[in-house]
């Protein structure tokens, strides 16, 4: 069984996703659908919007399944 990625980076921030915490409220996809895409894999595309918009949307996650951290040095892009 293949494990899907749960960590995504754009070089400025890293966003993590904890699927077991997700309550599927879809606030991420409804608020920033170009980044949080429910119909494709990988479902998070951090290059699709400015970093600060992504941070604001991640902070709205009601379950805490999405989190972010700023990269101290340049993150390795996966």
Foldseek 3Di string as FASTA:
>chain_A
DDDADQWFDDQFKIKGFDVVQAPPPCQLCVQPVQAQPDPDPVRGDPVRDDPVSNQVSQVPRPRNRMDMDTDPGGDDGD
